[in-house]
Amino acid sequence: MSEDIETNGGCYCGKLRYAVKGLPLLSAYCHCTLCQRFDAAAFIHTIHFSSAAFSWTRYEEGKVNTFEVTDKPWKRRYRCADCGGSVASYNTKKDKWSVWGAQLDRDDAGKRKNWEQLKPTAHNFYETRMVDIADDLGKWSGYEGLSTRLPM
């Protein structure tokens, strides 16, 4: 069953690793300015899980840098101190973890494992996009289903 899936991921060098169990609460391409600045990218694939679904499988003290977002102190970002990879984010208000699709483990063909259960369903914060995306996913001003759906 898809509720029983476990997906693993981590930073580039492997010093920080995590596992997430079950289906995500949300899986979307995020175009918010916070993600753009933190990850130096036009957008990211963010996948949200409940706190109970997330666990560190490799976490060494001194090998992780944490950062609390200045204007949103309930959001804490985790980066590897060695390779600099952005690994996860924890939201204390919503008690949920976010991980990024690009850092999920891949199969021998280079495809992300459990893709069908984890693939994005929307583009969030699309009004602050840096590039136009021509696909069939819904475009939203904020979070999918909680904000205004934008015209395609």
Foldseek 3Di string as FASTA:
>chain_A
DQQADKWKFFFPVPQWIKIFGGFFPAWAWEQDPVCCVLVVDLTFTKTKHALVRMDIPHDDVVQWDWDQDPVQNQKIWIAGPPPRHTAWIAGNVRRMIMGTPVGIDADPVRHHPPCVRRPHQAYACCVNGPDDDPDDHWYFNHDPPPGDTDDD
